[in-house]
């Protein structure tokens, strides 16, 4: 997304805040510029959604002054990270330690300082490292170079 918007930058003027609430990085409110580090932040929100089972903005859940990211960071500071994780995930095969590693990646993506956030390539490397460490074979041998989208859909529908 950042690449697409930046390509049009010379003819683009932003006079109002655009973006989906809950996914917009904090720096966007000051500069109104889309960056790849902002995309990483948004990815971190999505990862946190998956791990917690919660929506990014929910006043009933978090109150008017907070959101998923603020809530999760507060629990982390209070050493109550286990409360962030969706209880349904705790019953799955992947162990608690692996879930904490995913949570660590999410928090790296959600750093308030854009220069401290990883790139998406680094995020993928972190996931690949976790896959190797857990000896999971779900992605072993998978390459988009070797399969077209149609082939992937065909395999998915025949399963």
N, C-alpha and C. Protein backbone atom coordinates (compact mmCIF):
# COMPACT_ATOMS: atom_id res chain seq x y z
N UNK A 1 0.82 -1.18 0.00
CA UNK A 1 0.00 0.00 0.00
C UNK A 1 0.87 1.25 0.00
N UNK A 2 1.91 1.26 0.83
CA UNK A 2 2.78 2.43 0.91
C UNK A 2 3.42 2.72 -0.44
N UNK A 3 3.85 1.69 -1.14
CA UNK A 3 4.49 1.85 -2.43
C UNK A 3 3.52 2.48 -3.43
N UNK A 4 2.28 2.03 -3.43
CA UNK A 4 1.27 2.54 -4.35
C UNK A 4 1.01 4.02 -4.09
N UNK A 5 0.81 4.39 -2.85
CA UNK A 5 0.51 5.79 -2.53
C UNK A 5 1.73 6.66 -2.79
N UNK A 6 2.93 6.21 -2.43
CA UNK A 6 4.13 7.01 -2.61
C UNK A 6 4.42 7.26 -4.09
N UNK A 7 4.04 6.36 -4.96
CA UNK A 7 4.24 6.56 -6.39
C UNK A 7 3.42 7.74 -6.89
N UNK A 8 2.32 8.01 -6.25
CA UNK A 8 1.45 9.11 -6.65
C UNK A 8 1.70 10.38 -5.85
N UNK A 9 2.67 10.36 -4.95
CA UNK A 9 2.91 11.45 -4.01
C UNK A 9 2.98 12.84 -4.62
N UNK A 10 3.59 12.99 -5.77
CA UNK A 10 3.80 14.33 -6.31
C UNK A 10 2.50 15.01 -6.70
N UNK A 11 1.46 14.25 -6.92
CA UNK A 11 0.18 14.83 -7.31
C UNK A 11 -0.92 14.58 -6.29
N UNK A 12 -0.52 14.13 -5.12
CA UNK A 12 -1.50 13.75 -4.11
C UNK A 12 -1.46 14.73 -2.96
N UNK A 13 -2.61 15.24 -2.59
CA UNK A 13 -2.65 16.09 -1.40
C UNK A 13 -3.68 15.52 -0.46
N UNK A 14 -3.27 15.36 0.78
CA UNK A 14 -4.15 14.76 1.78
C UNK A 14 -4.59 15.85 2.75
N UNK A 15 -5.88 16.08 2.79
CA UNK A 15 -6.38 17.11 3.70
C UNK A 15 -7.16 16.51 4.86
N UNK A 16 -7.49 15.24 4.75
CA UNK A 16 -8.19 14.57 5.84
C UNK A 16 -7.50 13.25 6.15
N UNK A 17 -7.69 12.80 7.34
CA UNK A 17 -7.10 11.54 7.77
C UNK A 17 -7.83 10.39 7.10
N UNK A 18 -7.08 9.52 6.45
CA UNK A 18 -7.67 8.34 5.83
C UNK A 18 -6.99 7.11 6.41
N UNK A 19 -7.72 6.04 6.47
CA UNK A 19 -7.16 4.81 7.01
C UNK A 19 -8.18 4.16 7.92
N UNK A 20 -8.05 2.87 8.08
CA UNK A 20 -8.98 2.13 8.92
C UNK A 20 -8.59 2.29 10.38
N UNK A 21 -9.49 2.83 11.20
CA UNK A 21 -9.16 3.01 12.63
C UNK A 21 -8.70 1.69 13.26
N UNK A 22 -7.67 1.80 14.06
CA UNK A 22 -7.12 0.62 14.71
C UNK A 22 -5.92 0.05 13.99
N UNK A 23 -5.81 0.33 12.70
CA UNK A 23 -4.70 -0.20 11.90
C UNK A 23 -3.68 0.87 11.54
N UNK A 24 -4.03 2.13 11.70
CA UNK A 24 -3.18 3.24 11.30
C UNK A 24 -2.05 3.43 12.32
N UNK A 25 -0.80 3.52 11.85
CA UNK A 25 0.32 3.69 12.78
C UNK A 25 0.29 5.08 13.43
N UNK A 26 0.83 5.20 14.64
CA UNK A 26 0.76 6.48 15.36
C UNK A 26 1.37 7.65 14.59
N UNK A 27 2.46 7.41 13.86
CA UNK A 27 3.13 8.51 13.16
C UNK A 27 2.29 9.08 12.02
N UNK A 28 1.34 8.32 11.52
CA UNK A 28 0.51 8.79 10.41
C UNK A 28 -0.31 10.00 10.82
N UNK A 29 -0.68 10.08 12.08
CA UNK A 29 -1.49 11.21 12.55
C UNK A 29 -0.70 12.51 12.52
N UNK A 30 0.63 12.43 12.48
CA UNK A 30 1.46 13.64 12.42
C UNK A 30 1.88 13.98 11.00
N UNK A 31 2.25 12.97 10.22
CA UNK A 31 2.82 13.25 8.89
C UNK A 31 1.86 12.96 7.74
N UNK A 32 0.84 12.16 7.95
CA UNK A 32 -0.10 11.74 6.91
C UNK A 32 0.61 11.05 5.74
N UNK A 33 1.79 10.48 6.00
CA UNK A 33 2.54 9.79 4.95
C UNK A 33 2.44 8.28 5.14
N UNK A 34 2.18 7.60 4.03
CA UNK A 34 2.16 6.13 4.05
C UNK A 34 3.59 5.64 3.82
N UNK A 35 4.02 4.72 4.65
CA UNK A 35 5.36 4.15 4.51
C UNK A 35 5.30 2.64 4.67
N UNK A 36 6.36 1.98 4.27
CA UNK A 36 6.40 0.52 4.44
C UNK A 36 6.44 0.17 5.93
N UNK A 37 7.02 1.02 6.76
CA UNK A 37 7.03 0.78 8.21
C UNK A 37 5.62 0.92 8.78
N UNK A 38 4.81 1.77 8.18
CA UNK A 38 3.40 1.87 8.58
C UNK A 38 2.64 0.61 8.22
N UNK A 39 3.00 0.02 7.07
CA UNK A 39 2.39 -1.24 6.67
C UNK A 39 2.75 -2.35 7.66
N UNK A 40 3.99 -2.33 8.14
CA UNK A 40 4.44 -3.32 9.13
C UNK A 40 3.62 -3.17 10.41
N UNK A 41 3.37 -1.93 10.82
CA UNK A 41 2.54 -1.67 12.01
C UNK A 41 1.15 -2.29 11.81
N UNK A 42 0.55 -2.03 10.66
CA UNK A 42 -0.79 -2.57 10.38
C UNK A 42 -0.78 -4.09 10.40
N UNK A 43 0.29 -4.69 9.88
CA UNK A 43 0.42 -6.14 9.92
C UNK A 43 0.49 -6.63 11.36
N UNK A 44 1.18 -5.89 12.20
CA UNK A 44 1.26 -6.23 13.62
C UNK A 44 -0.10 -6.22 14.29
N UNK A 45 -0.95 -5.26 13.89
CA UNK A 45 -2.31 -5.21 14.43
C UNK A 45 -3.08 -6.46 14.01
N UNK A 46 -2.95 -6.84 12.75
CA UNK A 46 -3.64 -8.04 12.26
C UNK A 46 -3.16 -9.28 13.01
N UNK A 47 -1.86 -9.39 13.20
CA UNK A 47 -1.31 -10.52 13.95
C UNK A 47 -1.84 -10.54 15.38
N UNK A 48 -1.92 -9.37 16.00
CA UNK A 48 -2.45 -9.27 17.36
C UNK A 48 -3.93 -9.66 17.39
N UNK A 49 -4.68 -9.28 16.35
CA UNK A 49 -6.08 -9.70 16.25
C UNK A 49 -6.19 -11.22 16.24
N UNK A 50 -5.35 -11.86 15.43
CA UNK A 50 -5.39 -13.32 15.31
C UNK A 50 -5.02 -14.00 16.62
N UNK A 51 -4.06 -13.44 17.33
CA UNK A 51 -3.61 -14.04 18.58
C UNK A 51 -4.59 -13.82 19.73
N UNK A 52 -5.29 -12.69 19.70
CA UNK A 52 -6.18 -12.35 20.82
C UNK A 52 -7.64 -12.70 20.56
N UNK A 53 -8.01 -12.79 19.28
CA UNK A 53 -9.41 -13.03 18.94
C UNK A 53 -10.27 -11.78 19.14
N UNK A 54 -9.62 -10.61 19.22
CA UNK A 54 -10.34 -9.36 19.47
C UNK A 54 -10.21 -8.41 18.30
N UNK A 55 -11.20 -7.53 18.15
CA UNK A 55 -11.16 -6.50 17.11
C UNK A 55 -10.23 -5.38 17.56
N UNK A 56 -9.65 -4.63 16.59
CA UNK A 56 -8.70 -3.58 16.97
C UNK A 56 -9.34 -2.40 17.70
N UNK A 57 -10.60 -2.12 17.41
CA UNK A 57 -11.32 -1.04 18.09
C UNK A 57 -12.63 -1.62 18.60
N UNK A 58 -12.84 -1.55 19.89
CA UNK A 58 -14.07 -2.05 20.49
C UNK A 58 -14.25 -1.36 21.83
N UNK A 59 -15.08 -0.32 21.86
CA UNK A 59 -15.23 0.47 23.09
C UNK A 59 -15.81 -0.37 24.23
N UNK A 60 -16.61 -1.38 23.91
CA UNK A 60 -17.16 -2.25 24.96
C UNK A 60 -16.04 -3.07 25.61
N UNK A 61 -15.07 -3.46 24.82
CA UNK A 61 -13.96 -4.29 25.30
C UNK A 61 -12.85 -3.46 25.96
N UNK A 62 -12.50 -2.34 25.33
CA UNK A 62 -11.33 -1.57 25.76
C UNK A 62 -11.65 -0.20 26.35
N UNK A 63 -12.89 0.24 26.28
CA UNK A 63 -13.24 1.59 26.74
C UNK A 63 -12.97 2.61 25.64
N UNK A 64 -13.36 3.83 25.87
CA UNK A 64 -13.24 4.86 24.84
C UNK A 64 -11.80 5.32 24.59
N UNK A 65 -10.94 5.20 25.58
CA UNK A 65 -9.59 5.74 25.46
C UNK A 65 -8.55 4.71 25.04
N UNK A 66 -8.97 3.51 24.71
CA UNK A 66 -8.00 2.48 24.43
C UNK A 66 -8.41 1.67 23.21
N UNK A 67 -7.50 0.86 22.72
CA UNK A 67 -7.74 -0.03 21.59
C UNK A 67 -6.96 -1.32 21.83
N UNK A 68 -7.02 -2.23 20.89
CA UNK A 68 -6.36 -3.53 21.05
C UNK A 68 -4.86 -3.37 21.33
N UNK A 69 -4.20 -2.52 20.56
CA UNK A 69 -2.76 -2.35 20.73
C UNK A 69 -2.44 -1.79 22.11
N UNK A 70 -3.13 -0.74 22.52
CA UNK A 70 -2.91 -0.15 23.84
C UNK A 70 -3.20 -1.12 24.96
N UNK A 71 -4.28 -1.87 24.81
CA UNK A 71 -4.68 -2.88 25.81
C UNK A 71 -3.60 -3.96 25.93
N UNK A 72 -3.14 -4.46 24.78
CA UNK A 72 -2.13 -5.54 24.79
C UNK A 72 -0.81 -5.04 25.36
N UNK A 73 -0.41 -3.83 24.99
CA UNK A 73 0.85 -3.28 25.52
C UNK A 73 0.77 -3.09 27.03
N UNK A 74 -0.39 -2.68 27.52
CA UNK A 74 -0.58 -2.51 28.96
C UNK A 74 -0.45 -3.86 29.69
N UNK A 75 -1.10 -4.88 29.15
CA UNK A 75 -1.01 -6.22 29.76
C UNK A 75 0.44 -6.72 29.73
N UNK A 76 1.14 -6.45 28.64
CA UNK A 76 2.54 -6.87 28.53
C UNK A 76 3.39 -6.18 29.60
N UNK A 77 3.19 -4.86 29.77
CA UNK A 77 3.95 -4.12 30.79
C UNK A 77 3.67 -4.65 32.19
N UNK A 78 2.44 -5.12 32.41
CA UNK A 78 2.04 -5.66 33.72
C UNK A 78 2.40 -7.14 33.87
N UNK A 79 3.14 -7.68 32.89
CA UNK A 79 3.55 -9.09 32.89
C UNK A 79 2.34 -10.04 32.94
N UNK A 80 1.30 -9.65 32.18
CA UNK A 80 0.08 -10.46 32.10
C UNK A 80 -0.20 -10.85 30.64
N UNK A 81 0.85 -11.14 29.90
CA UNK A 81 0.74 -11.44 28.47
C UNK A 81 -0.20 -12.61 28.18
N UNK A 82 -0.28 -13.55 29.09
CA UNK A 82 -1.15 -14.71 28.85
C UNK A 82 -2.60 -14.28 28.63
N UNK A 83 -2.99 -13.16 29.22
CA UNK A 83 -4.36 -12.66 29.07
C UNK A 83 -4.62 -12.09 27.68
N UNK A 84 -3.57 -11.82 26.92
CA UNK A 84 -3.73 -11.32 25.55
C UNK A 84 -4.18 -12.44 24.64
N UNK A 85 -3.66 -13.63 24.86
CA UNK A 85 -3.90 -14.76 23.96
C UNK A 85 -5.33 -15.29 24.07
N UNK A 86 -5.92 -15.58 22.92
CA UNK A 86 -7.25 -16.17 22.86
C UNK A 86 -7.20 -17.55 23.52
N UNK A 87 -8.06 -17.81 24.50
CA UNK A 87 -8.07 -19.12 25.17
C UNK A 87 -8.23 -20.29 24.20
N UNK A 88 -8.90 -20.05 23.08
CA UNK A 88 -9.07 -21.12 22.08
C UNK A 88 -7.72 -21.58 21.52
N UNK A 89 -6.78 -20.65 21.41
CA UNK A 89 -5.47 -21.01 20.88
C UNK A 89 -4.68 -21.86 21.85
N UNK A 90 -4.96 -21.69 23.12
CA UNK A 90 -4.23 -22.44 24.14
C UNK A 90 -4.59 -23.92 24.11
N UNK A 91 -5.68 -24.28 23.46
CA UNK A 91 -6.09 -25.68 23.38
C UNK A 91 -5.56 -26.34 22.11
N UNK A 92 -4.96 -25.56 21.22
CA UNK A 92 -4.45 -26.09 19.96
C UNK A 92 -3.10 -26.76 20.17
N UNK A 93 -2.63 -27.43 19.11
CA UNK A 93 -1.36 -28.16 19.16
C UNK A 93 -0.16 -27.25 19.44
N UNK A 94 -0.17 -26.07 18.80
CA UNK A 94 1.00 -25.20 18.98
C UNK A 94 1.10 -24.81 20.45
N UNK A 95 2.26 -24.95 20.98
CA UNK A 95 2.47 -24.73 22.40
C UNK A 95 2.42 -23.27 22.79
N UNK A 96 2.32 -23.07 24.08
CA UNK A 96 2.27 -21.72 24.64
C UNK A 96 3.53 -20.93 24.27
N UNK A 97 4.67 -21.59 24.29
CA UNK A 97 5.93 -20.91 23.97
C UNK A 97 5.91 -20.37 22.54
N UNK A 98 5.36 -21.15 21.62
CA UNK A 98 5.28 -20.71 20.23
C UNK A 98 4.35 -19.51 20.10
N UNK A 99 3.24 -19.52 20.82
CA UNK A 99 2.31 -18.39 20.78
C UNK A 99 2.97 -17.13 21.31
N UNK A 100 3.79 -17.27 22.34
CA UNK A 100 4.52 -16.11 22.87
C UNK A 100 5.52 -15.57 21.85
N UNK A 101 6.09 -16.45 21.04
CA UNK A 101 7.00 -15.99 19.98
C UNK A 101 6.24 -15.19 18.93
N UNK A 102 5.03 -15.64 18.58
CA UNK A 102 4.21 -14.88 17.63
C UNK A 102 3.85 -13.53 18.22
N UNK A 103 3.56 -13.51 19.51
CA UNK A 103 3.23 -12.27 20.20
C UNK A 103 4.43 -11.32 20.19
N UNK A 104 5.61 -11.87 20.37
CA UNK A 104 6.84 -11.06 20.33
C UNK A 104 6.99 -10.41 18.96
N UNK A 105 6.73 -11.16 17.90
CA UNK A 105 6.81 -10.61 16.54
C UNK A 105 5.79 -9.49 16.37
N UNK A 106 4.58 -9.72 16.85
CA UNK A 106 3.54 -8.68 16.76
C UNK A 106 3.99 -7.41 17.45
N UNK A 107 4.54 -7.52 18.65
CA UNK A 107 5.00 -6.33 19.38
C UNK A 107 6.16 -5.64 18.68
N UNK A 108 7.03 -6.39 18.02
CA UNK A 108 8.11 -5.75 17.25
C UNK A 108 7.52 -4.93 16.11
N UNK A 109 6.49 -5.45 15.47
CA UNK A 109 5.82 -4.73 14.39
C UNK A 109 5.08 -3.49 14.90
N UNK A 110 4.67 -3.52 16.16
CA UNK A 110 3.86 -2.45 16.74
C UNK A 110 4.68 -1.42 17.52
N UNK A 111 5.99 -1.45 17.36
CA UNK A 111 6.83 -0.47 18.06
C UNK A 111 6.38 0.94 17.67
N UNK A 112 6.27 1.83 18.65
CA UNK A 112 5.85 3.21 18.38
C UNK A 112 6.85 3.96 17.51
N UNK A 113 8.09 3.51 17.51
CA UNK A 113 9.14 4.16 16.72
C UNK A 113 9.32 3.41 15.41
N UNK A 114 8.92 4.00 14.30
CA UNK A 114 8.98 3.30 13.01
C UNK A 114 10.36 2.73 12.68
N UNK A 115 11.43 3.44 13.01
CA UNK A 115 12.77 2.96 12.68
C UNK A 115 13.15 1.70 13.45
N UNK A 116 12.42 1.38 14.53
CA UNK A 116 12.68 0.17 15.31
C UNK A 116 11.88 -1.02 14.81
N UNK A 117 10.89 -0.78 13.96
CA UNK A 117 10.08 -1.89 13.42
C UNK A 117 10.89 -2.67 12.39
N UNK A 118 10.67 -3.98 12.33
CA UNK A 118 11.34 -4.76 11.29
C UNK A 118 10.73 -4.46 9.92
N UNK A 119 11.42 -4.88 8.88
CA UNK A 119 10.83 -4.85 7.54
C UNK A 119 9.97 -6.11 7.40
N UNK A 120 9.15 -6.17 6.38
CA UNK A 120 8.34 -7.38 6.18
C UNK A 120 9.22 -8.58 5.84
N UNK A 121 10.35 -8.34 5.18
CA UNK A 121 11.29 -9.43 4.90
C UNK A 121 11.82 -10.00 6.23
N UNK A 122 12.14 -9.11 7.16
CA UNK A 122 12.62 -9.56 8.48
C UNK A 122 11.52 -10.31 9.24
N UNK A 123 10.27 -9.85 9.11
CA UNK A 123 9.15 -10.53 9.76
C UNK A 123 9.02 -11.95 9.20
N UNK A 124 9.10 -12.07 7.88
CA UNK A 124 9.02 -13.40 7.27
C UNK A 124 10.17 -14.30 7.74
N UNK A 125 11.35 -13.72 7.89
CA UNK A 125 12.50 -14.50 8.38
C UNK A 125 12.25 -14.97 9.81
N UNK A 126 11.62 -14.12 10.63
CA UNK A 126 11.31 -14.52 12.01
C UNK A 126 10.34 -15.70 12.01
N UNK A 127 9.33 -15.64 11.14
CA UNK A 127 8.37 -16.74 11.06
C UNK A 127 9.05 -18.01 10.56
N UNK A 128 9.92 -17.87 9.57
CA UNK A 128 10.63 -19.03 9.04
C UNK A 128 11.51 -19.65 10.12
N UNK A 129 12.16 -18.80 10.92
CA UNK A 129 12.99 -19.30 12.02
C UNK A 129 12.15 -20.06 13.04
N UNK A 130 10.97 -19.56 13.33
CA UNK A 130 10.06 -20.26 14.25
C UNK A 130 9.65 -21.60 13.67
N UNK A 131 9.42 -21.61 12.37
CA UNK A 131 9.02 -22.86 11.72
C UNK A 131 10.13 -23.89 11.84
N UNK A 132 11.37 -23.48 11.64
CA UNK A 132 12.51 -24.39 11.75
C UNK A 132 12.65 -24.87 13.19
N UNK A 133 12.54 -23.93 14.14
CA UNK A 133 12.68 -24.28 15.55
C UNK A 133 11.61 -25.26 16.02
N UNK A 134 10.38 -25.11 15.50
CA UNK A 134 9.30 -25.97 15.95
C UNK A 134 9.20 -27.25 15.12
N UNK A 135 10.08 -27.36 14.12
CA UNK A 135 10.09 -28.52 13.22
C UNK A 135 8.75 -28.73 12.53
N UNK A 136 8.02 -27.65 12.32
CA UNK A 136 6.75 -27.72 11.60
C UNK A 136 7.05 -27.89 10.12
N UNK A 137 6.27 -28.70 9.45
CA UNK A 137 6.52 -28.91 8.02
C UNK A 137 5.44 -28.32 7.13
N UNK A 138 4.62 -27.45 7.67
CA UNK A 138 3.51 -26.89 6.91
C UNK A 138 4.00 -26.14 5.68
N UNK A 139 5.05 -25.33 5.82
CA UNK A 139 5.54 -24.53 4.71
C UNK A 139 6.76 -25.12 4.02
N UNK A 140 7.25 -26.26 4.48
CA UNK A 140 8.44 -26.85 3.88
C UNK A 140 8.21 -27.11 2.39
N UNK A 141 9.16 -26.66 1.60
CA UNK A 141 9.10 -26.90 0.17
C UNK A 141 8.13 -26.01 -0.57
N UNK A 142 7.42 -25.14 0.13
CA UNK A 142 6.45 -24.27 -0.53
C UNK A 142 7.16 -23.07 -1.13
N UNK A 143 6.87 -22.79 -2.37
CA UNK A 143 7.44 -21.62 -3.02
C UNK A 143 6.44 -21.11 -4.05
N UNK A 144 6.21 -19.81 -4.03
CA UNK A 144 5.31 -19.24 -5.03
C UNK A 144 5.91 -19.34 -6.42
N UNK A 145 7.24 -19.46 -6.51
CA UNK A 145 7.88 -19.60 -7.81
C UNK A 145 7.47 -20.91 -8.48
N UNK A 146 7.23 -21.93 -7.65
CA UNK A 146 6.95 -23.27 -8.17
C UNK A 146 5.48 -23.53 -8.45
N UNK A 147 4.61 -22.64 -8.03
CA UNK A 147 3.18 -22.90 -8.19
C UNK A 147 2.45 -21.63 -8.61
N UNK A 148 1.54 -21.78 -9.55
CA UNK A 148 0.72 -20.63 -9.93
C UNK A 148 -0.45 -20.53 -8.96
N UNK A 149 -1.08 -19.38 -8.94
CA UNK A 149 -2.23 -19.16 -8.06
C UNK A 149 -3.33 -20.17 -8.37
N UNK A 150 -3.56 -20.44 -9.66
CA UNK A 150 -4.60 -21.41 -10.04
C UNK A 150 -4.28 -22.80 -9.49
N UNK A 151 -3.01 -23.21 -9.56
CA UNK A 151 -2.63 -24.51 -9.02
C UNK A 151 -2.86 -24.57 -7.51
N UNK A 152 -2.54 -23.47 -6.83
CA UNK A 152 -2.75 -23.43 -5.38
C UNK A 152 -4.22 -23.55 -5.04
N UNK A 153 -5.07 -22.84 -5.79
CA UNK A 153 -6.52 -22.91 -5.55
C UNK A 153 -7.03 -24.32 -5.82
N UNK A 154 -6.50 -24.95 -6.87
CA UNK A 154 -6.91 -26.31 -7.22
C UNK A 154 -6.58 -27.28 -6.09
N UNK A 155 -5.38 -27.17 -5.57
CA UNK A 155 -4.95 -28.03 -4.46
C UNK A 155 -5.83 -27.80 -3.23
N UNK A 156 -6.16 -26.52 -2.99
CA UNK A 156 -6.97 -26.17 -1.83
C UNK A 156 -8.38 -26.75 -1.94
N UNK A 157 -8.97 -26.67 -3.14
CA UNK A 157 -10.35 -27.16 -3.31
C UNK A 157 -10.43 -28.68 -3.32
N UNK A 158 -9.35 -29.36 -3.71
CA UNK A 158 -9.38 -30.82 -3.72
C UNK A 158 -9.10 -31.42 -2.35
N UNK A 159 -8.64 -30.60 -1.42
CA UNK A 159 -8.34 -31.10 -0.07
C UNK A 159 -9.56 -31.29 0.76
